[in-house]
């Protein structure tokens, strides 16, 4: 068996440009082989079939571009306005409206079973894969083997690979034909295997769960996930508001929560200046603090020579309700959660 792996890896050296370390002869073939054998041992102990194990280990590949992607993830630098302009555009809104007309029955079934309205489902679908238009190009077994070998999060990615093997086994899927992102997310709603294991649901009634090729399974799985996160169809996600120019920006982290009357007492109003609702719901407050800081600095530079007072711009922010924090369990980004809310409102 080892000879088989080593022969394949020798061939790969001629095909893959590996990483800089591998090109200097530092790719550790013994470590690679030991990793594969460890997967075989664990998968066997977990009751995964020999067919799935052998398929998984038949021709594993090390993909240098995945290592580079993992090590060079760009720091997020878009402003909130820039992020929203990129993610909630007219094309995505129009395509979401088209998908709503295309899948009315399936969307209604998801709402009836899981309590997640169509416009919410469509917003997640649009954000995650542009309604399935974004096609993943990495074979997931190769992605996981590569990231396991790289070692930064070996345990995490090993768990993802084993979960993928169990999913393929249970649902009679060809594991070598399951593709996803370089980081291991797959399907219309970009689930990682352990999330799919926990929340996957059969939406087509065929007794299998395939969130890549079956839109019903993908929608039911996403609806089930949001339901388990506690989605409340009767609550909004955010409310856009404006703040006094001298508002304390340390409160705009989304973690500091007050009741709506307490926020109102600090000068938070609707964009037209009217009062926000006065019920006792707790809410956070999120805004682009870096952009506010920049605007304040620019305003101070334009102050009249004979005064220290500078005209301050209106501050736009978002009151964040419980559903906002449920979205953050899906993707822990304030910008992402606001984009979901904004796109959902456009598709309501």
C-alpha atoms as a PDB file:
ATOM      1  CA  UNK A   1       0.000   0.000   0.000  1.00  0.00           C
ATOM      2  CA  UNK A   2       2.794   2.399   0.885  1.00  0.00           C
ATOM      3  CA  UNK A   3       4.478   1.714  -2.444  1.00  0.00           C
ATOM      4  CA  UNK A   4       1.239   2.691  -4.186  1.00  0.00           C
ATOM      5  CA  UNK A   5       1.067   6.018  -2.342  1.00  0.00           C
ATOM      6  CA  UNK A   6       4.742   6.765  -2.918  1.00  0.00           C
ATOM      7  CA  UNK A   7       4.515   5.991  -6.636  1.00  0.00           C
ATOM      8  CA  UNK A   8       1.552   8.324  -6.966  1.00  0.00           C
ATOM      9  CA  UNK A   9       3.308  11.089  -5.045  1.00  0.00           C
ATOM     10  CA  UNK A  10       6.402  10.735  -7.207  1.00  0.00           C
ATOM     11  CA  UNK A  11       4.235  11.297 -10.249  1.00  0.00           C
ATOM     12  CA  UNK A  12       2.618  14.294  -8.563  1.00  0.00           C
ATOM     13  CA  UNK A  13       5.965  15.969  -7.981  1.00  0.00           C
ATOM     14  CA  UNK A  14       6.247  16.190 -11.741  1.00  0.00           C
ATOM     15  CA  UNK A  15       2.717  17.557 -12.119  1.00  0.00           C
ATOM     16  CA  UNK A  16       2.033  19.870  -9.181  1.00  0.00           C
ATOM     17  CA  UNK A  17       4.262  22.892  -8.536  1.00  0.00           C
ATOM     18  CA  UNK A  18       3.726  22.218  -4.790  1.00  0.00           C
ATOM     19  CA  UNK A  19       4.576  24.932  -2.331  1.00  0.00           C
ATOM     20  CA  UNK A  20       7.877  26.750  -1.990  1.00  0.00           C
ATOM     21  CA  UNK A  21       8.932  24.306   0.740  1.00  0.00           C
ATOM     22  CA  UNK A  22       8.043  21.292  -1.382  1.00  0.00           C
ATOM     23  CA  UNK A  23      10.005  22.707  -4.317  1.00  0.00           C
ATOM     24  CA  UNK A  24      13.059  22.856  -2.019  1.00  0.00           C
ATOM     25  CA  UNK A  25      12.577  19.156  -1.334  1.00  0.00           C
ATOM     26  CA  UNK A  26      10.926  19.653   2.031  1.00  0.00           C
ATOM     27  CA  UNK A  27       7.664  17.867   1.253  1.00  0.00           C
ATOM     28  CA  UNK A  28       7.589  15.036   3.757  1.00  0.00           C
ATOM     29  CA  UNK A  29       6.335  11.944   1.959  1.00  0.00           C
ATOM     30  CA  UNK A  30       6.480   9.855   5.133  1.00  0.00           C
ATOM     31  CA  UNK A  31       4.274  12.346   6.969  1.00  0.00           C
ATOM     32  CA  UNK A  32       1.808  12.304   4.051  1.00  0.00           C
ATOM     33  CA  UNK A  33       1.692   8.499   4.095  1.00  0.00           C
ATOM     34  CA  UNK A  34       1.259   8.385   7.872  1.00  0.00           C
ATOM     35  CA  UNK A  35      -1.586  10.877   7.589  1.00  0.00           C
ATOM     36  CA  UNK A  36      -3.367   8.706   5.027  1.00  0.00           C
ATOM     37  CA  UNK A  37      -2.968   5.610   7.159  1.00  0.00           C
ATOM     38  CA  UNK A  38      -4.296   7.515  10.168  1.00  0.00           C
ATOM     39  CA  UNK A  39      -7.399   8.424   8.174  1.00  0.00           C
ATOM     40  CA  UNK A  40      -7.860   4.780   7.170  1.00  0.00           C
ATOM     41  CA  UNK A  41      -7.564   3.654  10.790  1.00  0.00           C
ATOM     42  CA  UNK A  42     -10.019   6.228  12.113  1.00  0.00           C
ATOM     43  CA  UNK A  43     -12.523   5.736   9.304  1.00  0.00           C
ATOM     44  CA  UNK A  44     -12.473   1.980   9.815  1.00  0.00           C
ATOM     45  CA  UNK A  45     -13.035   2.414  13.550  1.00  0.00           C
ATOM     46  CA  UNK A  46     -15.943   4.763  12.809  1.00  0.00           C
ATOM     47  CA  UNK A  47     -17.674   2.121  10.701  1.00  0.00           C
ATOM     48  CA  UNK A  48     -17.197   3.774   7.304  1.00  0.00           C
ATOM     49  CA  UNK A  49     -17.418   1.239   4.487  1.00  0.00           C
ATOM     50  CA  UNK A  50     -14.299  -0.149   2.845  1.00  0.00           C
ATOM     51  CA  UNK A  51     -15.553   1.109  -0.536  1.00  0.00           C
ATOM     52  CA  UNK A  52     -15.745   4.712   0.686  1.00  0.00           C
ATOM     53  CA  UNK A  53     -12.390   4.453   2.474  1.00  0.00           C
ATOM     54  CA  UNK A  54     -10.679   3.038  -0.597  1.00  0.00           C
ATOM     55  CA  UNK A  55     -12.273   5.656  -2.851  1.00  0.00           C
ATOM     56  CA  UNK A  56     -11.113   8.432  -0.546  1.00  0.00           C
ATOM     57  CA  UNK A  57      -7.545   7.147  -0.438  1.00  0.00           C
ATOM     58  CA  UNK A  58      -7.299   6.087  -4.084  1.00  0.00           C
ATOM     59  CA  UNK A  59      -5.552   9.183  -5.425  1.00  0.00           C
ATOM     60  CA  UNK A  60      -5.214  11.930  -2.803  1.00  0.00           C
ATOM     61  CA  UNK A  61      -3.578  15.113  -4.064  1.00  0.00           C
ATOM     62  CA  UNK A  62      -1.655  17.904  -2.387  1.00  0.00           C
ATOM     63  CA  UNK A  63      -2.843  21.235  -3.868  1.00  0.00           C
ATOM     64  CA  UNK A  64      -0.357  24.108  -3.333  1.00  0.00           C
ATOM     65  CA  UNK A  65      -2.856  26.842  -4.219  1.00  0.00           C
ATOM     66  CA  UNK A  66      -5.015  25.773  -1.267  1.00  0.00           C
ATOM     67  CA  UNK A  67      -2.114  26.236   1.136  1.00  0.00           C
ATOM     68  CA  UNK A  68      -1.455  29.665  -0.340  1.00  0.00           C
ATOM     69  CA  UNK A  69      -5.121  30.594   0.037  1.00  0.00           C
ATOM     70  CA  UNK A  70      -5.111  29.484   3.664  1.00  0.00           C
ATOM     71  CA  UNK A  71      -1.950  31.411   4.506  1.00  0.00           C
ATOM     72  CA  UNK A  72      -2.825  34.573   2.592  1.00  0.00           C
ATOM     73  CA  UNK A  73      -6.421  35.288   3.417  1.00  0.00           C
ATOM     74  CA  UNK A  74      -6.837  38.976   2.695  1.00  0.00           C
ATOM     75  CA  UNK A  75      -7.696  41.207   5.601  1.00  0.00           C
ATOM     76  CA  UNK A  76     -11.225  42.538   5.252  1.00  0.00           C
ATOM     77  CA  UNK A  77     -10.912  46.191   4.236  1.00  0.00           C
ATOM     78  CA  UNK A  78     -14.176  47.120   2.537  1.00  0.00           C
ATOM     79  CA  UNK A  79     -16.305  49.764   4.171  1.00  0.00           C
ATOM     80  CA  UNK A  80     -19.825  48.692   5.059  1.00  0.00           C
ATOM     81  CA  UNK A  81     -21.194  50.732   2.151  1.00  0.00           C
ATOM     82  CA  UNK A  82     -18.672  49.135  -0.182  1.00  0.00           C
ATOM     83  CA  UNK A  83     -19.541  45.655   1.043  1.00  0.00           C
ATOM     84  CA  UNK A  84     -23.258  46.252   0.576  1.00  0.00           C
ATOM     85  CA  UNK A  85     -22.685  47.675  -2.907  1.00  0.00           C
ATOM     86  CA  UNK A  86     -20.808  44.516  -3.837  1.00  0.00           C
ATOM     87  CA  UNK A  87     -23.191  41.980  -2.264  1.00  0.00           C
ATOM     88  CA  UNK A  88     -26.647  43.560  -2.588  1.00  0.00           C
ATOM     89  CA  UNK A  89     -26.665  44.762  -6.189  1.00  0.00           C
ATOM     90  CA  UNK A  90     -29.428  44.995  -8.763  1.00  0.00           C
ATOM     91  CA  UNK A  91     -28.313  41.821 -10.539  1.00  0.00           C
ATOM     92  CA  UNK A  92     -28.471  39.734  -7.377  1.00  0.00           C
ATOM     93  CA  UNK A  93     -31.848  41.208  -6.430  1.00  0.00           C
ATOM     94  CA  UNK A  94     -33.275  40.496  -9.898  1.00  0.00           C
ATOM     95  CA  UNK A  95     -31.939  36.937  -9.837  1.00  0.00           C
ATOM     96  CA  UNK A  96     -33.438  36.405  -6.387  1.00  0.00           C
ATOM     97  CA  UNK A  97     -36.817  37.537  -7.641  1.00  0.00           C
ATOM     98  CA  UNK A  98     -36.463  35.118 -10.542  1.00  0.00           C
ATOM     99  CA  UNK A  99     -35.624  32.251  -8.178  1.00  0.00           C
ATOM    100  CA  UNK A 100     -38.624  33.081  -6.029  1.00  0.00           C
ATOM    101  CA  UNK A 101     -40.841  32.686  -9.095  1.00  0.00           C
ATOM    102  CA  UNK A 102     -39.030  29.493 -10.095  1.00  0.00           C
ATOM    103  CA  UNK A 103     -39.260  27.667  -6.749  1.00  0.00           C
ATOM    104  CA  UNK A 104     -42.457  28.909  -5.046  1.00  0.00           C
ATOM    105  CA  UNK A 105     -43.573  25.464  -3.883  1.00  0.00           C
ATOM    106  CA  UNK A 106     -40.217  24.472  -2.404  1.00  0.00           C
ATOM    107  CA  UNK A 107     -39.849  27.820  -0.637  1.00  0.00           C
ATOM    108  CA  UNK A 108     -43.352  27.439   0.820  1.00  0.00           C
ATOM    109  CA  UNK A 109     -42.539  23.931   2.013  1.00  0.00           C
ATOM    110  CA  UNK A 110     -39.438  25.225   3.788  1.00  0.00           C
ATOM    111  CA  UNK A 111     -41.441  27.991   5.462  1.00  0.00           C
ATOM    112  CA  UNK A 112     -44.200  25.601   6.544  1.00  0.00           C
ATOM    113  CA  UNK A 113     -41.772  23.054   7.985  1.00  0.00           C
ATOM    114  CA  UNK A 114     -39.040  25.262   9.435  1.00  0.00           C
ATOM    115  CA  UNK A 115     -40.597  28.707   9.850  1.00  0.00           C
ATOM    116  CA  UNK A 116     -38.080  30.470   7.606  1.00  0.00           C
ATOM    117  CA  UNK A 117     -39.764  32.804   5.055  1.00  0.00           C
ATOM    118  CA  UNK A 118     -38.847  32.710   1.343  1.00  0.00           C
ATOM    119  CA  UNK A 119     -37.110  36.097   1.307  1.00  0.00           C
ATOM    120  CA  UNK A 120     -34.777  34.971   4.098  1.00  0.00           C
ATOM    121  CA  UNK A 121     -33.937  31.703   2.345  1.00  0.00           C
ATOM    122  CA  UNK A 122     -33.296  33.558  -0.899  1.00  0.00           C
ATOM    123  CA  UNK A 123     -31.011  36.054   0.823  1.00  0.00           C
ATOM    124  CA  UNK A 124     -28.804  33.284   2.223  1.00  0.00           C
ATOM    125  CA  UNK A 125     -28.834  31.450  -1.111  1.00  0.00           C
ATOM    126  CA  UNK A 126     -27.851  34.603  -2.975  1.00  0.00           C
ATOM    127  CA  UNK A 127     -25.076  35.503  -0.558  1.00  0.00           C
ATOM    128  CA  UNK A 128     -23.591  32.024  -0.325  1.00  0.00           C
ATOM    129  CA  UNK A 129     -23.506  30.883  -3.954  1.00  0.00           C
ATOM    130  CA  UNK A 130     -25.305  33.517  -6.038  1.00  0.00           C
ATOM    131  CA  UNK A 131     -28.249  31.096  -6.252  1.00  0.00           C
ATOM    132  CA  UNK A 132     -26.015  28.191  -7.249  1.00  0.00           C
ATOM    133  CA  UNK A 133     -24.245  30.069 -10.038  1.00  0.00           C
ATOM    134  CA  UNK A 134     -20.872  29.981  -8.257  1.00  0.00           C
ATOM    135  CA  UNK A 135     -19.368  26.597  -9.049  1.00  0.00           C
ATOM    136  CA  UNK A 136     -16.781  25.152  -6.680  1.00  0.00           C
ATOM    137  CA  UNK A 137     -13.646  23.799  -8.326  1.00  0.00           C
ATOM    138  CA  UNK A 138     -11.816  21.883  -5.583  1.00  0.00           C
ATOM    139  CA  UNK A 139     -12.333  18.196  -4.945  1.00  0.00           C
ATOM    140  CA  UNK A 140     -13.072  18.273  -1.238  1.00  0.00           C
ATOM    141  CA  UNK A 141     -11.003  15.240  -0.339  1.00  0.00           C
ATOM    142  CA  UNK A 142      -7.948  16.931  -1.870  1.00  0.00           C
ATOM    143  CA  UNK A 143      -8.735  20.186  -0.054  1.00  0.00           C
ATOM    144  CA  UNK A 144      -8.988  18.430   3.301  1.00  0.00           C
ATOM    145  CA  UNK A 145      -5.877  16.287   2.785  1.00  0.00           C
ATOM    146  CA  UNK A 146      -3.899  19.366   1.790  1.00  0.00           C
ATOM    147  CA  UNK A 147      -5.043  21.384   4.795  1.00  0.00           C
ATOM    148  CA  UNK A 148      -4.465  18.434   7.117  1.00  0.00           C
ATOM    149  CA  UNK A 149      -0.913  18.074   5.859  1.00  0.00           C
ATOM    150  CA  UNK A 150      -0.311  21.816   6.187  1.00  0.00           C
ATOM    151  CA  UNK A 151      -1.007  21.320   9.874  1.00  0.00           C
ATOM    152  CA  UNK A 152      -2.360  24.679  11.004  1.00  0.00           C
ATOM    153  CA  UNK A 153      -5.764  23.177  11.841  1.00  0.00           C
ATOM    154  CA  UNK A 154      -5.101  19.500  11.270  1.00  0.00           C
ATOM    155  CA  UNK A 155      -7.654  18.211  13.784  1.00  0.00           C
ATOM    156  CA  UNK A 156     -10.428  20.429  12.421  1.00  0.00           C
ATOM    157  CA  UNK A 157      -9.866  19.390   8.810  1.00  0.00           C
ATOM    158  CA  UNK A 158      -9.456  15.735   9.723  1.00  0.00           C
ATOM    159  CA  UNK A 159     -12.864  15.912  11.377  1.00  0.00           C
ATOM    160  CA  UNK A 160     -14.269  17.500   8.221  1.00  0.00           C
ATOM    161  CA  UNK A 161     -12.840  14.755   6.009  1.00  0.00           C
ATOM    162  CA  UNK A 162     -14.192  11.966   8.203  1.00  0.00           C
ATOM    163  CA  UNK A 163     -17.600  13.682   8.294  1.00  0.00           C
ATOM    164  CA  UNK A 164     -17.537  13.930   4.491  1.00  0.00           C
ATOM    165  CA  UNK A 165     -16.745  10.219   4.264  1.00  0.00           C
ATOM    166  CA  UNK A 166     -19.697   9.398   6.513  1.00  0.00           C
ATOM    167  CA  UNK A 167     -21.988  11.632   4.437  1.00  0.00           C
ATOM    168  CA  UNK A 168     -20.858   9.965   1.202  1.00  0.00           C
ATOM    169  CA  UNK A 169     -21.294   6.535   2.752  1.00  0.00           C
ATOM    170  CA  UNK A 170     -24.766   7.176   4.158  1.00  0.00           C
ATOM    171  CA  UNK A 171     -26.117   8.894   1.046  1.00  0.00           C
ATOM    172  CA  UNK A 172     -24.393   6.683  -1.535  1.00  0.00           C
ATOM    173  CA  UNK A 173     -22.455   9.590  -3.046  1.00  0.00           C
ATOM    174  CA  UNK A 174     -19.218   9.341  -5.003  1.00  0.00           C
ATOM    175  CA  UNK A 175     -16.818  11.055  -2.632  1.00  0.00           C
ATOM    176  CA  UNK A 176     -14.423  11.823  -5.478  1.00  0.00           C
ATOM    177  CA  UNK A 177     -17.144  13.806  -7.199  1.00  0.00           C
ATOM    178  CA  UNK A 178     -17.902  16.150  -4.288  1.00  0.00           C
ATOM    179  CA  UNK A 179     -16.510  19.623  -4.948  1.00  0.00           C
ATOM    180  CA  UNK A 180     -16.413  22.723  -2.793  1.00  0.00           C
ATOM    181  CA  UNK A 181     -14.396  25.750  -1.776  1.00  0.00           C
ATOM    182  CA  UNK A 182     -10.719  25.531  -0.897  1.00  0.00           C
ATOM    183  CA  UNK A 183     -11.733  25.714   2.786  1.00  0.00           C
ATOM    184  CA  UNK A 184     -14.206  22.844   2.493  1.00  0.00           C
ATOM    185  CA  UNK A 185     -17.636  24.481   2.134  1.00  0.00           C
ATOM    186  CA  UNK A 186     -20.021  22.948  -0.382  1.00  0.00           C
ATOM    187  CA  UNK A 187     -23.357  23.271  -2.072  1.00  0.00           C
ATOM    188  CA  UNK A 188     -25.887  26.017  -2.601  1.00  0.00           C
ATOM    189  CA  UNK A 189     -25.592  27.233   1.006  1.00  0.00           C
ATOM    190  CA  UNK A 190     -21.905  26.414   1.517  1.00  0.00           C
ATOM    191  CA  UNK A 191     -22.094  23.959   4.417  1.00  0.00           C
ATOM    192  CA  UNK A 192     -18.981  22.340   5.805  1.00  0.00           C
ATOM    193  CA  UNK A 193     -19.359  18.567   6.340  1.00  0.00           C
ATOM    194  CA  UNK A 194     -19.830  18.648  10.114  1.00  0.00           C
ATOM    195  CA  UNK A 195     -22.624  21.218   9.728  1.00  0.00           C
ATOM    196  CA  UNK A 196     -24.237  19.097   7.024  1.00  0.00           C
ATOM    197  CA  UNK A 197     -23.983  16.042   9.264  1.00  0.00           C
ATOM    198  CA  UNK A 198     -25.869  17.840  12.008  1.00  0.00           C
ATOM    199  CA  UNK A 199     -28.463  19.767  10.013  1.00  0.00           C
ATOM    200  CA  UNK A 200     -28.774  18.037   6.640  1.00  0.00           C
ATOM    201  CA  UNK A 201     -32.381  17.311   5.629  1.00  0.00           C
ATOM    202  CA  UNK A 202     -34.000  15.425   2.756  1.00  0.00           C
ATOM    203  CA  UNK A 203     -36.095  17.910   0.812  1.00  0.00           C
ATOM    204  CA  UNK A 204     -36.809  15.744  -2.208  1.00  0.00           C
ATOM    205  CA  UNK A 205     -38.073  12.650  -0.408  1.00  0.00           C
ATOM    206  CA  UNK A 206     -35.653  10.244  -2.080  1.00  0.00           C
ATOM    207  CA  UNK A 207     -34.060   9.152   1.197  1.00  0.00           C
ATOM    208  CA  UNK A 208     -30.724  10.801   0.394  1.00  0.00           C
ATOM    209  CA  UNK A 209     -29.224  14.202   1.164  1.00  0.00           C
ATOM    210  CA  UNK A 210     -27.268  15.872  -1.635  1.00  0.00           C
ATOM    211  CA  UNK A 211     -26.938  19.617  -1.062  1.00  0.00           C
ATOM    212  CA  UNK A 212     -24.816  20.124  -4.184  1.00  0.00           C
ATOM    213  CA  UNK A 213     -27.027  18.632  -6.885  1.00  0.00           C
ATOM    214  CA  UNK A 214     -30.456  18.732  -5.218  1.00  0.00           C
ATOM    215  CA  UNK A 215     -31.904  22.176  -4.541  1.00  0.00           C
ATOM    216  CA  UNK A 216     -34.670  20.729  -2.351  1.00  0.00           C
ATOM    217  CA  UNK A 217     -32.124  19.058  -0.073  1.00  0.00           C
ATOM    218  CA  UNK A 218     -30.078  22.267   0.012  1.00  0.00           C
ATOM    219  CA  UNK A 219     -33.083  24.415   0.960  1.00  0.00           C
ATOM    220  CA  UNK A 220     -34.384  21.992   3.577  1.00  0.00           C
ATOM    221  CA  UNK A 221     -30.932  21.704   5.133  1.00  0.00           C
ATOM    222  CA  UNK A 222     -30.522  25.495   5.316  1.00  0.00           C
ATOM    223  CA  UNK A 223     -34.038  25.907   6.675  1.00  0.00           C
ATOM    224  CA  UNK A 224     -33.401  23.248   9.305  1.00  0.00           C
ATOM    225  CA  UNK A 225     -30.167  24.945  10.335  1.00  0.00           C
ATOM    226  CA  UNK A 226     -31.800  28.356  10.732  1.00  0.00           C
ATOM    227  CA  UNK A 227     -34.699  26.781  12.600  1.00  0.00           C
ATOM    228  CA  UNK A 228     -32.321  25.104  15.041  1.00  0.00           C
ATOM    229  CA  UNK A 229     -30.568  28.441  15.517  1.00  0.00           C
ATOM    230  CA  UNK A 230     -33.922  29.779  16.715  1.00  0.00           C
ATOM    231  CA  UNK A 231     -35.040  31.830  13.725  1.00  0.00           C
ATOM    232  CA  UNK A 232     -38.076  33.985  14.552  1.00  0.00           C
ATOM    233  CA  UNK A 233     -40.099  34.737  11.425  1.00  0.00           C
ATOM    234  CA  UNK A 234     -42.032  37.455  13.275  1.00  0.00           C
ATOM    235  CA  UNK A 235     -38.970  39.570  14.030  1.00  0.00           C
ATOM    236  CA  UNK A 236     -36.906  41.700  11.714  1.00  0.00           C
ATOM    237  CA  UNK A 237     -33.128  41.402  11.571  1.00  0.00           C
ATOM    238  CA  UNK A 238     -31.978  45.025  11.785  1.00  0.00           C
ATOM    239  CA  UNK A 239     -33.431  48.518  11.692  1.00  0.00           C
ATOM    240  CA  UNK A 240     -31.506  51.299  10.009  1.00  0.00           C
ATOM    241  CA  UNK A 241     -31.265  54.359  12.246  1.00  0.00           C
ATOM    242  CA  UNK A 242     -29.389  57.629  12.570  1.00  0.00           C
ATOM    243  CA  UNK A 243     -27.374  58.807  15.548  1.00  0.00           C
ATOM    244  CA  UNK A 244     -26.366  62.175  16.981  1.00  0.00           C
ATOM    245  CA  UNK A 245     -23.089  63.422  15.534  1.00  0.00           C
ATOM    246  CA  UNK A 246     -21.349  63.154  18.921  1.00  0.00           C
ATOM    247  CA  UNK A 247     -22.613  59.613  19.657  1.00  0.00           C
ATOM    248  CA  UNK A 248     -20.232  57.411  21.654  1.00  0.00           C
ATOM    249  CA  UNK A 249     -18.842  55.072  18.997  1.00  0.00           C
ATOM    250  CA  UNK A 250     -17.624  52.581  21.625  1.00  0.00           C
ATOM    251  CA  UNK A 251     -21.268  51.471  21.861  1.00  0.00           C
ATOM    252  CA  UNK A 252     -21.391  50.485  18.191  1.00  0.00           C
ATOM    253  CA  UNK A 253     -19.882  47.009  18.554  1.00  0.00           C
ATOM    254  CA  UNK A 254     -23.100  45.006  18.407  1.00  0.00           C
ATOM    255  CA  UNK A 255     -22.218  43.430  21.739  1.00  0.00           C
ATOM    256  CA  UNK A 256     -23.442  46.298  23.919  1.00  0.00           C
ATOM    257  CA  UNK A 257     -27.208  45.918  24.259  1.00  0.00           C
ATOM    258  CA  UNK A 258     -29.906  48.205  25.622  1.00  0.00           C
ATOM    259  CA  UNK A 259     -33.660  48.297  25.367  1.00  0.00           C
ATOM    260  CA  UNK A 260     -35.125  50.356  22.548  1.00  0.00           C
ATOM    261  CA  UNK A 261     -36.303  53.127  24.926  1.00  0.00           C
ATOM    262  CA  UNK A 262     -32.768  53.334  26.314  1.00  0.00           C
ATOM    263  CA  UNK A 263     -31.318  53.711  22.804  1.00  0.00           C
ATOM    264  CA  UNK A 264     -33.966  56.315  22.024  1.00  0.00           C
ATOM    265  CA  UNK A 265     -32.926  58.268  25.114  1.00  0.00           C
ATOM    266  CA  UNK A 266     -29.411  58.441  23.658  1.00  0.00           C
ATOM    267  CA  UNK A 267     -30.754  60.096  20.518  1.00  0.00           C
ATOM    268  CA  UNK A 268     -31.222  57.080  18.226  1.00  0.00           C
ATOM    269  CA  UNK A 269     -34.013  57.788  15.718  1.00  0.00           C
ATOM    270  CA  UNK A 270     -35.399  56.464  12.455  1.00  0.00           C
ATOM    271  CA  UNK A 271     -33.730  57.894   9.316  1.00  0.00           C
ATOM    272  CA  UNK A 272     -36.585  60.414   8.914  1.00  0.00           C
ATOM    273  CA  UNK A 273     -36.092  61.614  12.480  1.00  0.00           C
ATOM    274  CA  UNK A 274     -39.177  59.904  13.900  1.00  0.00           C
ATOM    275  CA  UNK A 275     -39.026  57.865  17.094  1.00  0.00           C
ATOM    276  CA  UNK A 276     -37.934  54.221  16.999  1.00  0.00           C
ATOM    277  CA  UNK A 277     -40.331  51.638  18.514  1.00  0.00           C
ATOM    278  CA  UNK A 278     -40.617  51.828  22.270  1.00  0.00           C
ATOM    279  CA  UNK A 279     -41.031  48.176  23.268  1.00  0.00           C
ATOM    280  CA  UNK A 280     -38.598  46.671  25.748  1.00  0.00           C
ATOM    281  CA  UNK A 281     -36.729  44.438  23.294  1.00  0.00           C
ATOM    282  CA  UNK A 282     -32.975  44.335  23.789  1.00  0.00           C
ATOM    283  CA  UNK A 283     -30.955  45.342  20.745  1.00  0.00           C
ATOM    284  CA  UNK A 284     -27.369  46.048  19.841  1.00  0.00           C
ATOM    285  CA  UNK A 285     -26.115  48.817  17.604  1.00  0.00           C
ATOM    286  CA  UNK A 286     -23.677  48.340  14.705  1.00  0.00           C
ATOM    287  CA  UNK A 287     -22.053  50.888  12.415  1.00  0.00           C
ATOM    288  CA  UNK A 288     -18.881  51.314  10.386  1.00  0.00           C
ATOM    289  CA  UNK A 289     -16.776  52.692  13.221  1.00  0.00           C
ATOM    290  CA  UNK A 290     -13.652  53.089  11.085  1.00  0.00           C
ATOM    291  CA  UNK A 291     -15.591  55.135   8.533  1.00  0.00           C
ATOM    292  CA  UNK A 292     -17.148  57.293  11.264  1.00  0.00           C
ATOM    293  CA  UNK A 293     -13.700  57.927  12.713  1.00  0.00           C
ATOM    294  CA  UNK A 294     -12.411  58.951   9.267  1.00  0.00           C
ATOM    295  CA  UNK A 295     -15.367  61.281   8.716  1.00  0.00           C
ATOM    296  CA  UNK A 296     -14.827  62.909  12.101  1.00  0.00           C
ATOM    297  CA  UNK A 297     -11.149  63.435  11.334  1.00  0.00           C
ATOM    298  CA  UNK A 298     -11.969  64.988   7.969  1.00  0.00           C
ATOM    299  CA  UNK A 299     -14.636  67.192   9.539  1.00  0.00           C
ATOM    300  CA  UNK A 300     -12.230  68.469  12.164  1.00  0.00           C
ATOM    301  CA  UNK A 301      -9.811  69.504   9.429  1.00  0.00           C
ATOM    302  CA  UNK A 302     -12.509  71.630   7.816  1.00  0.00           C
ATOM    303  CA  UNK A 303     -13.392  73.548  10.978  1.00  0.00           C
ATOM    304  CA  UNK A 304     -13.519  77.304  10.544  1.00  0.00           C
ATOM    305  CA  UNK A 305     -10.248  79.039  11.575  1.00  0.00           C
ATOM    306  CA  UNK A 306     -11.939  81.013  14.333  1.00  0.00           C
ATOM    307  CA  UNK A 307     -13.697  78.041  15.941  1.00  0.00           C
ATOM    308  CA  UNK A 308     -12.970  74.505  17.063  1.00  0.00           C
ATOM    309  CA  UNK A 309     -16.458  73.435  16.041  1.00  0.00           C
ATOM    310  CA  UNK A 310     -16.646  71.367  12.852  1.00  0.00           C
ATOM    311  CA  UNK A 311     -19.806  70.347  11.017  1.00  0.00           C
ATOM    312  CA  UNK A 312     -20.307  66.649  11.751  1.00  0.00           C
ATOM    313  CA  UNK A 313     -22.001  64.283   9.298  1.00  0.00           C
ATOM    314  CA  UNK A 314     -25.055  62.257  10.203  1.00  0.00           C
ATOM    315  CA  UNK A 315     -24.131  58.800  11.489  1.00  0.00           C
ATOM    316  CA  UNK A 316     -25.982  55.862   9.963  1.00  0.00           C
ATOM    317  CA  UNK A 317     -26.187  52.704  12.077  1.00  0.00           C
ATOM    318  CA  UNK A 318     -28.245  49.540  12.507  1.00  0.00           C
ATOM    319  CA  UNK A 319     -30.161  48.363  15.530  1.00  0.00           C
ATOM    320  CA  UNK A 320     -29.494  44.630  15.683  1.00  0.00           C
ATOM    321  CA  UNK A 321     -32.225  42.260  16.868  1.00  0.00           C
ATOM    322  CA  UNK A 322     -32.026  38.570  17.918  1.00  0.00           C
ATOM    323  CA  UNK A 323     -32.193  37.248  14.346  1.00  0.00           C
ATOM    324  CA  UNK A 324     -29.045  39.272  13.587  1.00  0.00           C
ATOM    325  CA  UNK A 325     -27.137  37.238  16.151  1.00  0.00           C
ATOM    326  CA  UNK A 326     -28.568  34.006  14.756  1.00  0.00           C
ATOM    327  CA  UNK A 327     -27.103  34.945  11.385  1.00  0.00           C
ATOM    328  CA  UNK A 328     -23.751  35.508  13.069  1.00  0.00           C
ATOM    329  CA  UNK A 329     -23.759  31.880  14.206  1.00  0.00           C
ATOM    330  CA  UNK A 330     -23.887  31.031  10.497  1.00  0.00           C
ATOM    331  CA  UNK A 331     -21.214  33.578   9.565  1.00  0.00           C
ATOM    332  CA  UNK A 332     -19.620  35.621  12.345  1.00  0.00           C
ATOM    333  CA  UNK A 333     -19.508  38.907  10.450  1.00  0.00           C
ATOM    334  CA  UNK A 334     -21.535  42.033  11.189  1.00  0.00           C
ATOM    335  CA  UNK A 335     -21.269  43.093   7.544  1.00  0.00           C
ATOM    336  CA  UNK A 336     -22.543  39.699   6.335  1.00  0.00           C
ATOM    337  CA  UNK A 337     -25.532  39.812   8.692  1.00  0.00           C
ATOM    338  CA  UNK A 338     -26.445  43.338   7.571  1.00  0.00           C
ATOM    339  CA  UNK A 339     -26.126  42.266   3.929  1.00  0.00           C
ATOM    340  CA  UNK A 340     -28.467  39.308   4.528  1.00  0.00           C
ATOM    341  CA  UNK A 341     -30.976  41.675   6.116  1.00  0.00           C
ATOM    342  CA  UNK A 342     -30.671  44.206   3.288  1.00  0.00           C
ATOM    343  CA  UNK A 343     -30.987  41.618   0.518  1.00  0.00           C
ATOM    344  CA  UNK A 344     -33.918  39.948   2.302  1.00  0.00           C
ATOM    345  CA  UNK A 345     -35.740  43.280   2.527  1.00  0.00           C
ATOM    346  CA  UNK A 346     -35.263  43.752  -1.222  1.00  0.00           C
ATOM    347  CA  UNK A 347     -36.717  40.287  -1.882  1.00  0.00           C
ATOM    348  CA  UNK A 348     -39.627  40.513   0.548  1.00  0.00           C
END
